[in-house]
Amino acid sequence: MSLKKTLLATIMMLCLGLTIHTGKALAAKPNTMKGCKECHTPDPNVVRGKKLAHSEKFKTLQVDVGSVVWVIQYDNNTLLKGADSLAALKKGKEISVTYKGTEKSPVATAIFVKQPFKVPDKQLVSVEEMLKLSAAGPEKGGFLLVDSRPPAAYNSGHIPDAVSIPFPKLKKMGAEILPKDKNARVIFYCGGFT
């Protein structure tokens, strides 16, 4: 390698190490973004957060988990699922990276891109229909309204007659609250998916 390329590589590594542009420390213990913890249990070999940047030249990916930024190497064997390329992923897109190696020298084995959540049109309830149902009330309207947002969001304001079942607790709380009749109409609302 030429002296110029060696110097460039050294400067790049120093910049990554200092993370001047983010002001955040590099990899320490946290490997899961706070929002991801609502649905996922932290795994020591999986980093969950948002894509910050990547370098095709140095084959590195930066993942922001909130308190730290992970710099993870990848190679031609790294599985990428949910996107055509890392370049196609916008900054801030939620991803999970399974890696091998150590926390200081992680090498990605798989990168998964969070896909938008899509509810089939026939299962959607329009605002107008929800207003009519809400005016009639749950008993007369024949429905159960579930607010699946985090408790803090529910407590700050919710649709009248809605019960709180935060999405991560759906299995546990759902068994107690949801109707046993599988044909009963249950309407969920949330803060939206990205």
N, C-alpha and C. Protein backbone atom coordinates (compact mmCIF):
# COMPACT_ATOMS: atom_id res chain seq x y z
N MET A 1 0.86 -1.17 0.00
CA MET A 1 0.00 0.00 0.00
C MET A 1 0.90 1.24 0.00
N SER A 2 0.52 2.21 -0.75
CA SER A 2 1.33 3.42 -0.84
C SER A 2 1.24 4.22 0.45
N LEU A 3 2.20 5.09 0.66
CA LEU A 3 2.23 5.93 1.85
C LEU A 3 0.98 6.80 1.91
N LYS A 4 0.54 7.31 0.76
CA LYS A 4 -0.66 8.16 0.71
C LYS A 4 -1.90 7.39 1.17
N LYS A 5 -2.05 6.14 0.69
CA LYS A 5 -3.22 5.33 1.08
C LYS A 5 -3.14 4.96 2.55
N THR A 6 -1.94 4.66 3.04
CA THR A 6 -1.77 4.32 4.46
C THR A 6 -2.14 5.51 5.32
N LEU A 7 -1.67 6.70 4.95
CA LEU A 7 -1.98 7.91 5.68
C LEU A 7 -3.47 8.19 5.66
N LEU A 8 -4.11 8.04 4.51
CA LEU A 8 -5.56 8.26 4.39
C LEU A 8 -6.33 7.29 5.28
N ALA A 9 -5.92 6.03 5.28
CA ALA A 9 -6.59 5.02 6.12
C ALA A 9 -6.42 5.37 7.59
N THR A 10 -5.25 5.82 7.98
CA THR A 10 -5.00 6.20 9.38
C THR A 10 -5.87 7.38 9.79
N ILE A 11 -5.95 8.39 8.94
CA ILE A 11 -6.77 9.56 9.24
C ILE A 11 -8.24 9.16 9.35
N MET A 12 -8.69 8.30 8.44
CA MET A 12 -10.09 7.85 8.47
C MET A 12 -10.39 7.13 9.78
N MET A 13 -9.50 6.28 10.21
CA MET A 13 -9.72 5.54 11.45
C MET A 13 -9.72 6.48 12.65
N LEU A 14 -8.87 7.50 12.64
CA LEU A 14 -8.87 8.48 13.72
C LEU A 14 -10.18 9.25 13.76
N CYS A 15 -10.67 9.63 12.59
CA CYS A 15 -11.95 10.35 12.53
C CYS A 15 -13.08 9.48 13.04
N LEU A 16 -13.08 8.22 12.66
CA LEU A 16 -14.11 7.31 13.15
C LEU A 16 -13.99 7.15 14.66
N GLY A 17 -12.74 7.04 15.13
CA GLY A 17 -12.51 6.86 16.56
C GLY A 17 -12.95 8.05 17.38
N LEU A 18 -12.76 9.23 16.85
CA LEU A 18 -13.13 10.43 17.58
C LEU A 18 -14.59 10.80 17.40
N THR A 19 -15.20 10.30 16.35
CA THR A 19 -16.59 10.62 15.99
C THR A 19 -16.88 12.11 16.16
N ILE A 20 -16.04 12.90 15.52
CA ILE A 20 -16.17 14.35 15.62
C ILE A 20 -17.56 14.81 15.17
N HIS A 21 -18.08 14.22 14.09
CA HIS A 21 -19.35 14.69 13.53
C HIS A 21 -20.56 14.32 14.37
N THR A 22 -20.46 13.36 15.30
CA THR A 22 -21.62 12.98 16.10
C THR A 22 -21.51 13.44 17.53
N GLY A 23 -20.29 13.59 18.02
CA GLY A 23 -20.11 13.96 19.42
C GLY A 23 -20.43 12.83 20.36
N LYS A 24 -20.53 11.59 19.87
CA LYS A 24 -20.86 10.45 20.71
C LYS A 24 -19.67 9.53 20.82
N ALA A 25 -19.60 8.84 21.94
CA ALA A 25 -18.51 7.88 22.14
C ALA A 25 -18.75 6.66 21.27
N LEU A 26 -17.68 5.97 20.93
CA LEU A 26 -17.83 4.73 20.18
C LEU A 26 -18.18 3.59 21.11
N ALA A 27 -18.45 2.46 20.50
CA ALA A 27 -18.97 1.28 21.15
C ALA A 27 -18.51 1.06 22.58
N ALA A 28 -19.46 1.00 23.43
CA ALA A 28 -19.29 0.57 24.81
C ALA A 28 -20.33 -0.52 24.97
N LYS A 29 -20.85 -0.70 26.13
CA LYS A 29 -21.80 -1.79 26.34
C LYS A 29 -23.13 -1.64 25.58
N PRO A 30 -23.79 -0.49 25.59
CA PRO A 30 -25.11 -0.43 24.95
C PRO A 30 -25.05 -0.86 23.48
N ASN A 31 -25.95 -1.76 23.11
CA ASN A 31 -26.00 -2.21 21.71
C ASN A 31 -27.41 -2.18 21.16
N THR A 32 -28.36 -1.66 21.94
CA THR A 32 -29.74 -1.63 21.49
C THR A 32 -30.35 -0.26 21.77
N MET A 33 -30.85 0.38 20.74
CA MET A 33 -31.50 1.67 20.86
C MET A 33 -32.72 1.54 21.78
N LYS A 34 -33.00 2.57 22.55
CA LYS A 34 -34.09 2.53 23.53
C LYS A 34 -35.42 2.08 22.91
N GLY A 35 -35.78 2.65 21.77
CA GLY A 35 -37.05 2.29 21.13
C GLY A 35 -37.11 0.83 20.70
N CYS A 36 -35.96 0.26 20.34
CA CYS A 36 -35.92 -1.15 19.92
C CYS A 36 -36.20 -2.09 21.09
N LYS A 37 -35.89 -1.64 22.31
CA LYS A 37 -36.07 -2.48 23.49
C LYS A 37 -37.54 -2.74 23.79
N GLU A 38 -38.42 -1.92 23.22
CA GLU A 38 -39.85 -2.15 23.44
C GLU A 38 -40.32 -3.46 22.82
N CYS A 39 -39.67 -3.90 21.76
CA CYS A 39 -40.07 -5.13 21.07
C CYS A 39 -39.00 -6.21 21.09
N HIS A 40 -37.74 -5.84 21.29
CA HIS A 40 -36.64 -6.80 21.20
C HIS A 40 -35.88 -6.89 22.52
N THR A 41 -35.48 -8.10 22.85
CA THR A 41 -34.62 -8.31 23.99
C THR A 41 -33.18 -8.11 23.51
N PRO A 42 -32.41 -7.28 24.21
CA PRO A 42 -31.02 -7.09 23.78
C PRO A 42 -30.27 -8.43 23.68
N ASP A 43 -29.46 -8.55 22.65
CA ASP A 43 -28.67 -9.75 22.38
C ASP A 43 -27.22 -9.29 22.28
N PRO A 44 -26.30 -9.97 22.95
CA PRO A 44 -24.91 -9.50 22.94
C PRO A 44 -24.26 -9.49 21.56
N ASN A 45 -24.77 -10.24 20.59
CA ASN A 45 -24.18 -10.28 19.25
C ASN A 45 -25.03 -9.59 18.20
N VAL A 46 -25.96 -8.76 18.65
CA VAL A 46 -26.82 -8.02 17.72
C VAL A 46 -26.84 -6.55 18.14
N VAL A 47 -26.58 -5.68 17.17
CA VAL A 47 -26.66 -4.23 17.39
C VAL A 47 -27.94 -3.75 16.72
N ARG A 48 -28.80 -3.09 17.49
CA ARG A 48 -30.05 -2.56 16.94
C ARG A 48 -30.08 -1.05 17.11
N GLY A 49 -30.24 -0.36 15.99
CA GLY A 49 -30.28 1.10 16.05
C GLY A 49 -30.58 1.67 14.68
N LYS A 50 -30.05 2.85 14.43
CA LYS A 50 -30.30 3.55 13.16
C LYS A 50 -28.99 3.70 12.39
N LYS A 51 -29.11 3.51 11.09
CA LYS A 51 -27.93 3.69 10.24
C LYS A 51 -27.51 5.15 10.32
N LEU A 52 -26.24 5.35 10.61
CA LEU A 52 -25.70 6.70 10.64
C LEU A 52 -24.97 6.98 9.33
N ALA A 53 -24.06 6.08 8.97
CA ALA A 53 -23.29 6.24 7.73
C ALA A 53 -22.63 4.91 7.39
N HIS A 54 -22.08 4.84 6.20
CA HIS A 54 -21.29 3.67 5.83
C HIS A 54 -20.22 4.10 4.85
N SER A 55 -19.19 3.29 4.74
CA SER A 55 -18.11 3.57 3.81
C SER A 55 -17.89 2.33 2.95
N GLU A 56 -18.17 2.47 1.66
CA GLU A 56 -17.93 1.37 0.73
C GLU A 56 -16.43 1.08 0.65
N LYS A 57 -15.63 2.15 0.67
CA LYS A 57 -14.18 2.00 0.54
C LYS A 57 -13.57 1.22 1.70
N PHE A 58 -13.98 1.54 2.92
CA PHE A 58 -13.41 0.89 4.10
C PHE A 58 -14.29 -0.25 4.62
N LYS A 59 -15.42 -0.49 3.94
CA LYS A 59 -16.35 -1.56 4.31
C LYS A 59 -16.74 -1.47 5.79
N THR A 60 -17.20 -0.28 6.19
CA THR A 60 -17.65 -0.07 7.56
C THR A 60 -19.06 0.52 7.56
N LEU A 61 -19.76 0.23 8.62
CA LEU A 61 -21.13 0.71 8.82
C LEU A 61 -21.19 1.32 10.21
N GLN A 62 -21.75 2.51 10.33
CA GLN A 62 -21.93 3.14 11.63
C GLN A 62 -23.40 3.00 12.03
N VAL A 63 -23.63 2.47 13.23
CA VAL A 63 -24.98 2.28 13.75
C VAL A 63 -25.12 3.06 15.05
N ASP A 64 -26.06 4.00 15.07
CA ASP A 64 -26.32 4.84 16.23
C ASP A 64 -27.35 4.13 17.12
N VAL A 65 -26.96 3.82 18.36
CA VAL A 65 -27.89 3.19 19.29
C VAL A 65 -28.34 4.16 20.38
N GLY A 66 -28.08 5.43 20.17
CA GLY A 66 -28.53 6.46 21.11
C GLY A 66 -27.40 7.02 21.94
N SER A 67 -26.75 6.20 22.75
CA SER A 67 -25.68 6.69 23.61
C SER A 67 -24.30 6.44 23.03
N VAL A 68 -24.21 5.55 22.08
CA VAL A 68 -22.94 5.25 21.42
C VAL A 68 -23.17 5.00 19.94
N VAL A 69 -22.09 5.04 19.20
CA VAL A 69 -22.12 4.70 17.78
C VAL A 69 -21.20 3.50 17.59
N TRP A 70 -21.75 2.44 17.03
CA TRP A 70 -20.95 1.26 16.71
C TRP A 70 -20.39 1.43 15.30
N VAL A 71 -19.13 1.06 15.13
CA VAL A 71 -18.51 1.01 13.81
C VAL A 71 -18.27 -0.47 13.54
N ILE A 72 -18.97 -0.99 12.55
CA ILE A 72 -18.96 -2.43 12.27
C ILE A 72 -18.43 -2.67 10.86
N GLN A 73 -17.47 -3.56 10.76
CA GLN A 73 -16.94 -3.96 9.46
C GLN A 73 -17.97 -4.87 8.78
N TYR A 74 -17.97 -4.89 7.47
CA TYR A 74 -18.76 -5.86 6.71
C TYR A 74 -17.91 -6.32 5.54
N ASP A 75 -18.32 -7.40 4.91
CA ASP A 75 -17.56 -7.90 3.76
C ASP A 75 -18.53 -8.45 2.72
N ASN A 76 -18.01 -9.07 1.68
CA ASN A 76 -18.85 -9.59 0.60
C ASN A 76 -19.73 -10.75 1.04
N ASN A 77 -19.43 -11.36 2.19
CA ASN A 77 -20.23 -12.47 2.70
C ASN A 77 -21.35 -12.02 3.62
N THR A 78 -21.39 -10.73 3.95
CA THR A 78 -22.42 -10.22 4.85
C THR A 78 -23.78 -10.25 4.15
N LEU A 79 -24.74 -10.90 4.79
CA LEU A 79 -26.11 -10.96 4.26
C LEU A 79 -26.79 -9.62 4.50
N LEU A 80 -27.40 -9.07 3.47
CA LEU A 80 -28.19 -7.83 3.59
C LEU A 80 -29.61 -8.18 3.19
N LYS A 81 -30.52 -8.01 4.14
CA LYS A 81 -31.93 -8.35 3.88
C LYS A 81 -32.80 -7.12 4.12
N GLY A 82 -33.63 -6.80 3.13
CA GLY A 82 -34.56 -5.69 3.26
C GLY A 82 -34.14 -4.44 2.51
N ALA A 83 -33.01 -4.52 1.80
CA ALA A 83 -32.54 -3.40 0.98
C ALA A 83 -31.66 -3.96 -0.12
N ASP A 84 -31.58 -3.21 -1.21
CA ASP A 84 -30.73 -3.63 -2.33
C ASP A 84 -29.25 -3.43 -2.04
N SER A 85 -28.94 -2.38 -1.27
CA SER A 85 -27.55 -2.08 -0.94
C SER A 85 -27.52 -1.16 0.27
N LEU A 86 -26.37 -1.06 0.92
CA LEU A 86 -26.24 -0.12 2.03
C LEU A 86 -26.36 1.31 1.53
N ALA A 87 -25.90 1.56 0.32
CA ALA A 87 -25.99 2.91 -0.24
C ALA A 87 -27.45 3.34 -0.42
N ALA A 88 -28.32 2.37 -0.65
CA ALA A 88 -29.75 2.68 -0.84
C ALA A 88 -30.45 3.02 0.47
N LEU A 89 -29.83 2.68 1.60
CA LEU A 89 -30.43 2.97 2.90
C LEU A 89 -30.18 4.41 3.31
N LYS A 90 -31.23 5.09 3.67
CA LYS A 90 -31.08 6.47 4.12
C LYS A 90 -30.58 6.51 5.55
N LYS A 91 -29.93 7.60 5.89
CA LYS A 91 -29.50 7.84 7.27
C LYS A 91 -30.73 7.83 8.16
N GLY A 92 -30.65 7.16 9.30
CA GLY A 92 -31.76 7.12 10.24
C GLY A 92 -32.65 5.89 10.10
N LYS A 93 -32.43 5.08 9.08
CA LYS A 93 -33.24 3.88 8.89
C LYS A 93 -32.90 2.87 9.98
N GLU A 94 -33.92 2.26 10.57
CA GLU A 94 -33.71 1.28 11.63
C GLU A 94 -33.20 -0.03 11.07
N ILE A 95 -32.11 -0.53 11.68
CA ILE A 95 -31.49 -1.77 11.23
C ILE A 95 -31.06 -2.59 12.44
N SER A 96 -30.86 -3.88 12.20
CA SER A 96 -30.21 -4.73 13.19
C SER A 96 -29.05 -5.42 12.49
N VAL A 97 -27.93 -5.51 13.21
CA VAL A 97 -26.72 -6.09 12.65
C VAL A 97 -26.26 -7.22 13.56
N THR A 98 -26.26 -8.43 13.03
CA THR A 98 -25.70 -9.57 13.75
C THR A 98 -24.22 -9.61 13.41
N TYR A 99 -23.39 -9.77 14.43
CA TYR A 99 -21.96 -9.72 14.16
C TYR A 99 -21.22 -10.85 14.88
N LYS A 100 -20.01 -11.10 14.38
CA LYS A 100 -19.09 -12.02 15.04
C LYS A 100 -17.88 -11.20 15.44
N GLY A 101 -17.01 -11.78 16.24
CA GLY A 101 -15.86 -11.04 16.71
C GLY A 101 -16.16 -10.40 18.05
N THR A 102 -15.38 -9.38 18.37
CA THR A 102 -15.54 -8.71 19.65
C THR A 102 -16.26 -7.39 19.49
N GLU A 103 -16.62 -6.81 20.61
CA GLU A 103 -17.26 -5.51 20.60
C GLU A 103 -16.33 -4.45 19.99
N LYS A 104 -15.03 -4.60 20.20
CA LYS A 104 -14.06 -3.64 19.66
C LYS A 104 -13.78 -3.87 18.18
N SER A 105 -13.99 -5.11 17.69
CA SER A 105 -13.73 -5.43 16.29
C SER A 105 -14.86 -6.26 15.69
N PRO A 106 -16.08 -5.72 15.69
CA PRO A 106 -17.20 -6.51 15.17
C PRO A 106 -17.19 -6.60 13.64
N VAL A 107 -17.57 -7.77 13.15
CA VAL A 107 -17.70 -7.98 11.71
C VAL A 107 -19.12 -8.48 11.45
N ALA A 108 -19.86 -7.75 10.66
CA ALA A 108 -21.26 -8.09 10.39
C ALA A 108 -21.38 -9.40 9.62
N THR A 109 -22.26 -10.28 10.11
CA THR A 109 -22.60 -11.49 9.35
C THR A 109 -23.93 -11.28 8.64
N ALA A 110 -24.81 -10.44 9.23
CA ALA A 110 -26.11 -10.16 8.62
C ALA A 110 -26.58 -8.77 9.02
N ILE A 111 -27.19 -8.08 8.06
CA ILE A 111 -27.78 -6.77 8.30
C ILE A 111 -29.23 -6.85 7.86
N PHE A 112 -30.15 -6.58 8.79
CA PHE A 112 -31.58 -6.63 8.50
C PHE A 112 -32.15 -5.22 8.61
N VAL A 113 -32.90 -4.82 7.61
CA VAL A 113 -33.51 -3.49 7.54
C VAL A 113 -34.97 -3.59 7.95
N LYS A 114 -35.37 -2.77 8.91
CA LYS A 114 -36.76 -2.78 9.37
C LYS A 114 -37.66 -2.33 8.22
N GLN A 115 -38.67 -3.15 7.96
CA GLN A 115 -39.60 -2.86 6.87
C GLN A 115 -40.82 -2.11 7.40
N PRO A 116 -41.42 -1.27 6.57
CA PRO A 116 -42.64 -0.58 7.02
C PRO A 116 -43.74 -1.59 7.29
N PHE A 117 -44.54 -1.29 8.29
CA PHE A 117 -45.65 -2.16 8.64
C PHE A 117 -46.83 -1.84 7.74
N LYS A 118 -47.42 -2.84 7.13
CA LYS A 118 -48.53 -2.61 6.20
C LYS A 118 -49.73 -3.43 6.65
N VAL A 119 -50.82 -2.75 6.93
CA VAL A 119 -52.08 -3.39 7.28
C VAL A 119 -52.91 -3.52 6.01
N PRO A 120 -53.45 -4.71 5.74
CA PRO A 120 -54.29 -4.86 4.54
C PRO A 120 -55.46 -3.87 4.57
N ASP A 121 -55.77 -3.29 3.42
CA ASP A 121 -56.82 -2.28 3.33
C ASP A 121 -58.15 -2.74 3.92
N LYS A 122 -58.49 -4.02 3.73
CA LYS A 122 -59.78 -4.51 4.23
C LYS A 122 -59.83 -4.55 5.76
N GLN A 123 -58.67 -4.45 6.41
CA GLN A 123 -58.64 -4.47 7.88
C GLN A 123 -58.55 -3.07 8.48
N LEU A 124 -58.46 -2.06 7.64
CA LEU A 124 -58.36 -0.69 8.14
C LEU A 124 -59.75 -0.13 8.46
N VAL A 125 -59.80 0.72 9.47
CA VAL A 125 -61.03 1.40 9.85
C VAL A 125 -60.82 2.87 9.52
N SER A 126 -61.73 3.44 8.76
CA SER A 126 -61.59 4.85 8.38
C SER A 126 -61.87 5.74 9.59
N VAL A 127 -61.41 6.97 9.50
CA VAL A 127 -61.66 7.94 10.57
C VAL A 127 -63.16 8.14 10.75
N GLU A 128 -63.88 8.24 9.64
CA GLU A 128 -65.33 8.45 9.72
C GLU A 128 -66.01 7.28 10.43
N GLU A 129 -65.61 6.05 10.07
CA GLU A 129 -66.20 4.87 10.71
C GLU A 129 -65.85 4.84 12.19
N MET A 130 -64.62 5.20 12.53
CA MET A 130 -64.20 5.20 13.93
C MET A 130 -64.97 6.23 14.73
N LEU A 131 -65.23 7.40 14.12
CA LEU A 131 -66.02 8.43 14.80
C LEU A 131 -67.43 7.93 15.11
N LYS A 132 -68.05 7.23 14.15
CA LYS A 132 -69.40 6.67 14.36
C LYS A 132 -69.38 5.62 15.46
N LEU A 133 -68.39 4.72 15.40
CA LEU A 133 -68.28 3.67 16.41
C LEU A 133 -68.05 4.27 17.79
N SER A 134 -67.16 5.24 17.86
CA SER A 134 -66.83 5.87 19.14
C SER A 134 -68.05 6.58 19.73
N ALA A 135 -68.83 7.22 18.86
CA ALA A 135 -70.04 7.91 19.32
C ALA A 135 -71.06 6.92 19.88
N ALA A 136 -71.13 5.73 19.28
CA ALA A 136 -72.07 4.70 19.75
C ALA A 136 -71.57 4.05 21.04
N GLY A 137 -70.25 4.00 21.21
CA GLY A 137 -69.68 3.36 22.39
C GLY A 137 -69.36 1.90 22.10
N PRO A 138 -68.48 1.30 22.89
CA PRO A 138 -68.04 -0.07 22.63
C PRO A 138 -69.15 -1.12 22.67
N GLU A 139 -70.06 -1.00 23.64
CA GLU A 139 -71.11 -2.02 23.75
C GLU A 139 -72.08 -1.95 22.58
N LYS A 140 -72.61 -0.77 22.29
CA LYS A 140 -73.56 -0.61 21.19
C LYS A 140 -72.88 -0.80 19.83
N GLY A 141 -71.63 -0.31 19.72
CA GLY A 141 -70.89 -0.42 18.47
C GLY A 141 -70.31 -1.81 18.25
N GLY A 142 -70.25 -2.62 19.31
CA GLY A 142 -69.75 -3.98 19.20
C GLY A 142 -68.26 -4.07 18.89
N PHE A 143 -67.45 -3.34 19.64
CA PHE A 143 -66.02 -3.37 19.39
C PHE A 143 -65.24 -3.17 20.68
N LEU A 144 -63.97 -3.51 20.62
CA LEU A 144 -63.03 -3.21 21.69
C LEU A 144 -61.94 -2.36 21.04
N LEU A 145 -61.66 -1.20 21.62
CA LEU A 145 -60.65 -0.30 21.09
C LEU A 145 -59.39 -0.42 21.94
N VAL A 146 -58.27 -0.74 21.28
CA VAL A 146 -57.01 -0.96 21.99
C VAL A 146 -55.98 0.08 21.55
N ASP A 147 -55.45 0.80 22.53
CA ASP A 147 -54.35 1.75 22.30
C ASP A 147 -53.07 0.96 22.54
N SER A 148 -52.29 0.72 21.48
CA SER A 148 -51.09 -0.11 21.61
C SER A 148 -49.81 0.71 21.76
N ARG A 149 -49.95 2.00 22.06
CA ARG A 149 -48.79 2.86 22.28
C ARG A 149 -48.20 2.62 23.67
N PRO A 150 -47.00 3.12 23.93
CA PRO A 150 -46.42 2.99 25.27
C PRO A 150 -47.32 3.66 26.32
N PRO A 151 -47.25 3.21 27.57
CA PRO A 151 -48.11 3.78 28.62
C PRO A 151 -48.04 5.30 28.74
N ALA A 152 -46.86 5.88 28.59
CA ALA A 152 -46.74 7.35 28.71
C ALA A 152 -47.59 8.05 27.66
N ALA A 153 -47.61 7.53 26.43
CA ALA A 153 -48.42 8.13 25.38
C ALA A 153 -49.91 7.98 25.69
N TYR A 154 -50.30 6.81 26.17
CA TYR A 154 -51.70 6.57 26.55
C TYR A 154 -52.12 7.54 27.66
N ASN A 155 -51.26 7.69 28.67
CA ASN A 155 -51.57 8.55 29.81
C ASN A 155 -51.63 10.02 29.44
N SER A 156 -50.92 10.41 28.37
CA SER A 156 -50.95 11.82 27.97
C SER A 156 -52.20 12.15 27.15
N GLY A 157 -52.93 11.14 26.72
CA GLY A 157 -54.17 11.36 25.98
C GLY A 157 -54.48 10.18 25.08
N HIS A 158 -55.75 9.76 25.07
CA HIS A 158 -56.16 8.63 24.24
C HIS A 158 -57.62 8.78 23.84
N ILE A 159 -58.03 7.98 22.89
CA ILE A 159 -59.43 7.99 22.42
C ILE A 159 -60.30 7.45 23.56
N PRO A 160 -61.43 8.11 23.83
CA PRO A 160 -62.32 7.64 24.90
C PRO A 160 -62.68 6.15 24.71
N ASP A 161 -62.75 5.44 25.82
CA ASP A 161 -63.10 4.01 25.88
C ASP A 161 -61.98 3.09 25.42
N ALA A 162 -60.83 3.62 25.04
CA ALA A 162 -59.71 2.77 24.63
C ALA A 162 -59.07 2.15 25.86
N VAL A 163 -58.65 0.89 25.73
CA VAL A 163 -57.90 0.23 26.78
C VAL A 163 -56.43 0.21 26.36
N SER A 164 -55.56 0.28 27.32
CA SER A 164 -54.13 0.31 27.02
C SER A 164 -53.54 -1.09 27.06
N ILE A 165 -53.02 -1.52 25.91
CA ILE A 165 -52.23 -2.75 25.82
C ILE A 165 -51.01 -2.39 24.97
N PRO A 166 -49.91 -1.95 25.61
CA PRO A 166 -48.72 -1.60 24.83
C PRO A 166 -48.27 -2.78 23.97
N PHE A 167 -47.90 -2.51 22.73
CA PHE A 167 -47.55 -3.56 21.79
C PHE A 167 -46.60 -4.62 22.35
N PRO A 168 -45.51 -4.22 23.05
CA PRO A 168 -44.60 -5.26 23.57
C PRO A 168 -45.25 -6.19 24.60
N LYS A 169 -46.38 -5.75 25.20
CA LYS A 169 -47.04 -6.57 26.22
C LYS A 169 -48.30 -7.24 25.69
N LEU A 170 -48.48 -7.23 24.37
CA LEU A 170 -49.70 -7.76 23.76
C LEU A 170 -49.95 -9.22 24.13
N LYS A 171 -48.93 -10.07 24.03
CA LYS A 171 -49.14 -11.49 24.35
C LYS A 171 -49.57 -11.68 25.79
N LYS A 172 -48.88 -11.02 26.71
CA LYS A 172 -49.16 -11.19 28.14
C LYS A 172 -50.50 -10.57 28.53
N MET A 173 -50.70 -9.30 28.19
CA MET A 173 -51.93 -8.61 28.58
C MET A 173 -53.12 -8.99 27.71
N GLY A 174 -52.84 -9.31 26.45
CA GLY A 174 -53.92 -9.64 25.52
C GLY A 174 -54.74 -10.83 25.99
N ALA A 175 -54.09 -11.81 26.57
CA ALA A 175 -54.80 -13.00 27.05
C ALA A 175 -55.82 -12.64 28.12
N GLU A 176 -55.53 -11.60 28.89
CA GLU A 176 -56.44 -11.18 29.96
C GLU A 176 -57.53 -10.23 29.48
N ILE A 177 -57.22 -9.40 28.49
CA ILE A 177 -58.13 -8.31 28.11
C ILE A 177 -58.90 -8.57 26.82
N LEU A 178 -58.26 -9.18 25.84
CA LEU A 178 -58.93 -9.36 24.54
C LEU A 178 -60.08 -10.35 24.65
N PRO A 179 -61.13 -10.16 23.84
CA PRO A 179 -62.29 -11.07 23.88
C PRO A 179 -61.90 -12.50 23.49
N LYS A 180 -62.54 -13.46 24.13
CA LYS A 180 -62.29 -14.87 23.80
C LYS A 180 -62.90 -15.22 22.45
N ASP A 181 -63.98 -14.51 22.08
CA ASP A 181 -64.65 -14.73 20.80
C ASP A 181 -63.74 -14.24 19.67
N LYS A 182 -63.27 -15.15 18.84
CA LYS A 182 -62.35 -14.81 17.75
C LYS A 182 -63.02 -13.96 16.66
N ASN A 183 -64.34 -13.88 16.65
CA ASN A 183 -65.05 -13.07 15.66
C ASN A 183 -65.37 -11.67 16.18
N ALA A 184 -65.01 -11.39 17.43
CA ALA A 184 -65.27 -10.07 18.01
C ALA A 184 -64.42 -9.03 17.28
N ARG A 185 -64.97 -7.83 17.16
CA ARG A 185 -64.25 -6.77 16.46
C ARG A 185 -63.32 -6.06 17.44
N VAL A 186 -62.03 -6.13 17.15
CA VAL A 186 -61.01 -5.47 17.97
C VAL A 186 -60.28 -4.49 17.06
N ILE A 187 -60.23 -3.23 17.49
CA ILE A 187 -59.59 -2.18 16.71
C ILE A 187 -58.37 -1.68 17.49
N PHE A 188 -57.23 -1.72 16.83
CA PHE A 188 -55.99 -1.25 17.42
C PHE A 188 -55.59 0.08 16.82
N TYR A 189 -54.99 0.93 17.62
CA TYR A 189 -54.33 2.12 17.06
C TYR A 189 -53.02 2.33 17.80
N CYS A 190 -52.11 3.01 17.10
CA CYS A 190 -50.78 3.21 17.66
C CYS A 190 -50.24 4.56 17.21
N GLY A 191 -48.97 4.80 17.49
CA GLY A 191 -48.33 6.04 17.09
C GLY A 191 -47.78 6.01 15.69
N GLY A 192 -47.91 4.87 15.02
CA GLY A 192 -47.41 4.73 13.65
C GLY A 192 -46.09 4.03 13.60
N PHE A 193 -45.77 3.46 12.46
CA PHE A 193 -44.52 2.76 12.22
C PHE A 193 -43.72 3.52 11.18
N THR A 194 -42.39 3.42 11.30
CA THR A 194 -41.53 4.05 10.30
C THR A 194 -40.81 2.99 9.52
